[in-house]
Amino acid sequence: MKKTNAEELLKRNSVPILSWDFHYEFVNELKANFADLKKVNDISSQFSWNDEGLEIKEHIKDEVVVITDLNLKIVFA
């Protein structure tokens, strides 16, 4: 016996619309972190930093990282 459309709709799993906002915010935060990390890695490779002990990945998640040149002009923040 074929199910009606109403029965099919009731058995489907749905995601609340509000959960998309949380997911969107999380994905945007991840994208921003990876973009910042890429910029810092580009700067570090340009100036041949020894960044083994700096733990940049951990600091960039929770803190503001400010990079200046020798004249203290902000290069990255």
Protein backbone atom coordinates (compact mmCIF):
# COMPACT_ATOMS: atom_id res chain seq x y z
CA MET A 1 0.00 0.00 0.00
CA LYS A 2 1.40 3.40 -1.00
CA LYS A 3 1.95 5.95 1.77
CA THR A 4 0.39 9.34 1.51
CA ASN A 5 2.50 12.49 1.31
CA ALA A 6 1.46 13.51 4.83
CA GLU A 7 2.74 10.23 6.29
CA GLU A 8 6.04 10.58 4.45
CA LEU A 9 6.53 14.12 5.69
CA LEU A 10 5.95 13.13 9.31
CA LYS A 11 8.59 10.39 9.16
CA ARG A 12 11.34 12.60 7.74
CA ASN A 13 13.99 14.00 10.05
CA SER A 14 14.31 17.74 9.91
CA VAL A 15 16.78 20.22 11.30
CA PRO A 16 15.50 23.33 13.07
CA ILE A 17 16.20 26.50 11.12
CA LEU A 18 17.93 28.06 14.13
CA SER A 19 20.63 25.39 14.07
CA TRP A 20 21.78 26.67 10.67
CA ASP A 21 22.74 29.98 12.28
CA PHE A 22 25.01 28.21 14.77
CA HIS A 23 26.56 26.12 12.03
CA TYR A 24 27.06 29.17 9.82
CA GLU A 25 28.79 31.10 12.62
CA PHE A 26 31.07 28.15 13.41
CA VAL A 27 32.03 27.65 9.76
CA ASN A 28 32.75 31.36 9.34
CA GLU A 29 34.93 31.35 12.46
CA LEU A 30 36.87 28.36 11.13
CA LYS A 31 37.35 30.05 7.77
CA ALA A 32 38.61 33.22 9.45
CA ASN A 33 41.03 31.25 11.64
CA PHE A 34 42.45 29.39 8.66
CA ALA A 35 42.75 32.61 6.63
CA ASP A 36 44.60 34.30 9.51
CA LEU A 37 46.83 31.28 9.98
CA LYS A 38 47.70 31.28 6.28
CA LYS A 39 48.61 34.98 6.41
CA VAL A 40 50.82 34.47 9.46
CA ASN A 41 52.49 31.47 7.83
CA ASP A 42 53.14 33.54 4.69
CA ILE A 43 54.71 36.30 6.78
CA SER A 44 56.80 33.81 8.78
CA SER A 45 58.12 32.11 5.65
CA GLN A 46 58.88 35.48 4.05
CA PHE A 47 61.10 36.45 6.99
CA SER A 48 62.41 32.94 7.80
CA TRP A 49 61.10 32.79 11.35
CA ASN A 50 61.78 29.85 13.61
CA ASP A 51 58.17 29.39 14.74
CA GLU A 52 58.43 25.95 16.35
CA GLY A 53 58.01 27.17 19.93
CA LEU A 54 55.54 29.96 19.20
CA GLU A 55 52.43 27.73 19.02
CA ILE A 56 50.80 30.13 16.57
CA LYS A 57 47.85 27.82 15.90
CA GLU A 58 46.82 27.87 19.55
CA HIS A 59 47.34 31.61 20.03
CA ILE A 60 45.45 32.61 16.91
CA LYS A 61 42.32 30.76 18.11
CA ASP A 62 41.93 32.58 21.42
CA GLU A 63 44.02 35.73 21.27
CA VAL A 64 44.75 38.69 19.04
CA VAL A 65 48.09 38.25 17.29
CA VAL A 66 49.84 41.49 16.34
CA ILE A 67 52.86 41.44 14.05
CA THR A 68 54.92 44.60 13.58
CA ASP A 69 57.90 45.52 11.46
CA LEU A 70 61.12 46.96 12.92
CA ASN A 71 59.56 50.44 13.05
CA LEU A 72 56.62 49.04 15.07
CA LYS A 73 54.22 49.56 12.18
CA ILE A 74 51.47 46.93 12.39
CA VAL A 75 51.82 44.41 9.57
CA PHE A 76 49.16 41.96 10.75
CA ALA A 77 46.53 42.04 13.48
